[in-house]
Amino acid sequence: MSLKIRSIWDNNGETTDRYTIVTNYQDSGREKDFNGHPVFLALSINQNYNSPQGGSMFGYCVEGDHLGKKIGLKDLSLELQGHIIARLK
């Protein structure tokens, strides 16, 4: 399955996983959170994803500005874009 990007969020480094890439995928067991908000599979990542101090991991989240500022894929470095696209395939 190839995942599609719904939105990308940048929290400007407030957490180690600075970027959250929200996908279109919803697990049938996790479609909504306790407040009724849709829950999506997301990739949390930072600029140093390929170093021991870096991170690139999947989890579930509710989409929204609590994740930071909404940005576009082109706002990220070409290297980071390539990594994200590869992880979503």
C-alpha atoms as a PDB file:
ATOM      1  CA  MET A   1       0.000   0.000   0.000  1.00  0.00           C
ATOM      2  CA  SER A   2       1.293   3.440  -0.887  1.00  0.00           C
ATOM      3  CA  LEU A   3       0.231   6.049   1.653  1.00  0.00           C
ATOM      4  CA  LYS A   4      -0.771   9.555   0.587  1.00  0.00           C
ATOM      5  CA  ILE A   5       0.050  12.763   2.470  1.00  0.00           C
ATOM      6  CA  ARG A   6      -2.945  14.601   3.997  1.00  0.00           C
ATOM      7  CA  SER A   7      -0.899  17.314   5.672  1.00  0.00           C
ATOM      8  CA  ILE A   8       2.560  18.165   7.017  1.00  0.00           C
ATOM      9  CA  TRP A   9       3.144  20.006  10.294  1.00  0.00           C
ATOM     10  CA  ASP A  10       6.254  21.718  11.694  1.00  0.00           C
ATOM     11  CA  ASN A  11       6.434  22.450  15.417  1.00  0.00           C
ATOM     12  CA  ASN A  12       9.632  24.491  14.905  1.00  0.00           C
ATOM     13  CA  GLY A  13      11.725  22.139  17.027  1.00  0.00           C
ATOM     14  CA  GLU A  14       9.559  22.161  20.165  1.00  0.00           C
ATOM     15  CA  THR A  15       9.961  18.365  20.267  1.00  0.00           C
ATOM     16  CA  THR A  16      12.541  15.925  18.920  1.00  0.00           C
ATOM     17  CA  ASP A  17      10.113  14.815  16.214  1.00  0.00           C
ATOM     18  CA  ARG A  18       9.795  18.262  14.683  1.00  0.00           C
ATOM     19  CA  TYR A  19       7.762  17.241  11.633  1.00  0.00           C
ATOM     20  CA  THR A  20       4.528  15.242  11.517  1.00  0.00           C
ATOM     21  CA  ILE A  21       3.429  13.867   8.170  1.00  0.00           C
ATOM     22  CA  VAL A  22      -0.241  12.917   8.456  1.00  0.00           C
ATOM     23  CA  THR A  23      -1.329  10.249   5.959  1.00  0.00           C
ATOM     24  CA  ASN A  24      -4.691   9.281   4.529  1.00  0.00           C
ATOM     25  CA  TYR A  25      -4.723   5.933   6.374  1.00  0.00           C
ATOM     26  CA  GLN A  26      -7.192   5.230   9.175  1.00  0.00           C
ATOM     27  CA  ASP A  27      -7.078   1.883  11.001  1.00  0.00           C
ATOM     28  CA  SER A  28     -10.602   0.511  11.431  1.00  0.00           C
ATOM     29  CA  GLY A  29      -9.936   0.120  15.171  1.00  0.00           C
ATOM     30  CA  ARG A  30      -8.658   3.705  15.544  1.00  0.00           C
ATOM     31  CA  GLU A  31     -10.937   5.765  13.332  1.00  0.00           C
ATOM     32  CA  LYS A  32     -11.779   8.315  16.062  1.00  0.00           C
ATOM     33  CA  ASP A  33     -10.279   9.443  19.362  1.00  0.00           C
ATOM     34  CA  PHE A  34     -12.235   9.768  22.617  1.00  0.00           C
ATOM     35  CA  ASN A  35     -13.502  13.195  21.540  1.00  0.00           C
ATOM     36  CA  GLY A  36     -14.714  11.969  18.154  1.00  0.00           C
ATOM     37  CA  HIS A  37     -11.833  13.460  16.117  1.00  0.00           C
ATOM     38  CA  PRO A  38     -10.522  11.379  13.201  1.00  0.00           C
ATOM     39  CA  VAL A  39      -7.236   9.565  13.902  1.00  0.00           C
ATOM     40  CA  PHE A  40      -4.699   9.053  11.111  1.00  0.00           C
ATOM     41  CA  LEU A  41      -1.454   7.147  10.670  1.00  0.00           C
ATOM     42  CA  ALA A  42       1.412   9.655  10.766  1.00  0.00           C
ATOM     43  CA  LEU A  43       5.170   9.712  10.293  1.00  0.00           C
ATOM     44  CA  SER A  44       7.043  11.692  12.945  1.00  0.00           C
ATOM     45  CA  ILE A  45      10.474  12.772  11.789  1.00  0.00           C
ATOM     46  CA  ASN A  46      13.290  15.229  12.368  1.00  0.00           C
ATOM     47  CA  GLN A  47      16.122  16.636  10.257  1.00  0.00           C
ATOM     48  CA  ASN A  48      18.592  14.077  11.696  1.00  0.00           C
ATOM     49  CA  TYR A  49      16.440  11.038  10.908  1.00  0.00           C
ATOM     50  CA  ASN A  50      19.454   8.975   9.828  1.00  0.00           C
ATOM     51  CA  SER A  51      21.631   9.592  12.904  1.00  0.00           C
ATOM     52  CA  PRO A  52      21.540   7.773  16.278  1.00  0.00           C
ATOM     53  CA  GLN A  53      19.959  10.906  17.813  1.00  0.00           C
ATOM     54  CA  GLY A  54      17.430  11.203  15.009  1.00  0.00           C
ATOM     55  CA  GLY A  55      14.002   9.776  14.506  1.00  0.00           C
ATOM     56  CA  SER A  56      11.638   8.560  11.807  1.00  0.00           C
ATOM     57  CA  MET A  57       8.732   6.554  13.192  1.00  0.00           C
ATOM     58  CA  PHE A  58       5.080   5.855  12.520  1.00  0.00           C
ATOM     59  CA  GLY A  59       2.263   6.349  15.006  1.00  0.00           C
ATOM     60  CA  TYR A  60      -1.293   7.635  15.131  1.00  0.00           C
ATOM     61  CA  CYS A  61      -2.417  11.211  15.679  1.00  0.00           C
ATOM     62  CA  VAL A  62      -5.260  13.672  15.412  1.00  0.00           C
ATOM     63  CA  GLU A  63      -4.590  16.278  12.737  1.00  0.00           C
ATOM     64  CA  GLY A  64      -4.488  19.910  13.847  1.00  0.00           C
ATOM     65  CA  ASP A  65      -2.520  22.982  14.846  1.00  0.00           C
ATOM     66  CA  HIS A  66      -1.432  21.336  18.112  1.00  0.00           C
ATOM     67  CA  LEU A  67       1.144  19.678  15.799  1.00  0.00           C
ATOM     68  CA  GLY A  68       2.582  23.077  14.848  1.00  0.00           C
ATOM     69  CA  LYS A  69       2.322  25.110  11.664  1.00  0.00           C
ATOM     70  CA  LYS A  70       0.974  23.512   8.494  1.00  0.00           C
ATOM     71  CA  ILE A  71       3.602  23.445   5.728  1.00  0.00           C
ATOM     72  CA  GLY A  72       4.044  21.913   2.287  1.00  0.00           C
ATOM     73  CA  LEU A  73       6.353  19.090   1.203  1.00  0.00           C
ATOM     74  CA  LYS A  74       8.421  21.596  -0.802  1.00  0.00           C
ATOM     75  CA  ASP A  75       9.173  23.497   2.426  1.00  0.00           C
ATOM     76  CA  LEU A  76      11.415  20.572   3.467  1.00  0.00           C
ATOM     77  CA  SER A  77      14.907  19.776   2.192  1.00  0.00           C
ATOM     78  CA  LEU A  78      15.134  17.536  -0.897  1.00  0.00           C
ATOM     79  CA  GLU A  79      16.838  14.874   1.235  1.00  0.00           C
ATOM     80  CA  LEU A  80      14.007  14.905   3.775  1.00  0.00           C
ATOM     81  CA  GLN A  81      11.390  14.868   0.998  1.00  0.00           C
ATOM     82  CA  GLY A  82      13.032  11.779  -0.510  1.00  0.00           C
ATOM     83  CA  HIS A  83      13.120   9.992   2.840  1.00  0.00           C
ATOM     84  CA  ILE A  84       9.437  10.745   3.503  1.00  0.00           C
ATOM     85  CA  ILE A  85       8.352   9.565   0.056  1.00  0.00           C
ATOM     86  CA  ALA A  86      10.363   6.343   0.462  1.00  0.00           C
ATOM     87  CA  ARG A  87       8.859   5.650   3.911  1.00  0.00           C
ATOM     88  CA  LEU A  88       5.311   6.142   2.618  1.00  0.00           C
ATOM     89  CA  LYS A  89       5.698   3.554  -0.168  1.00  0.00           C
END
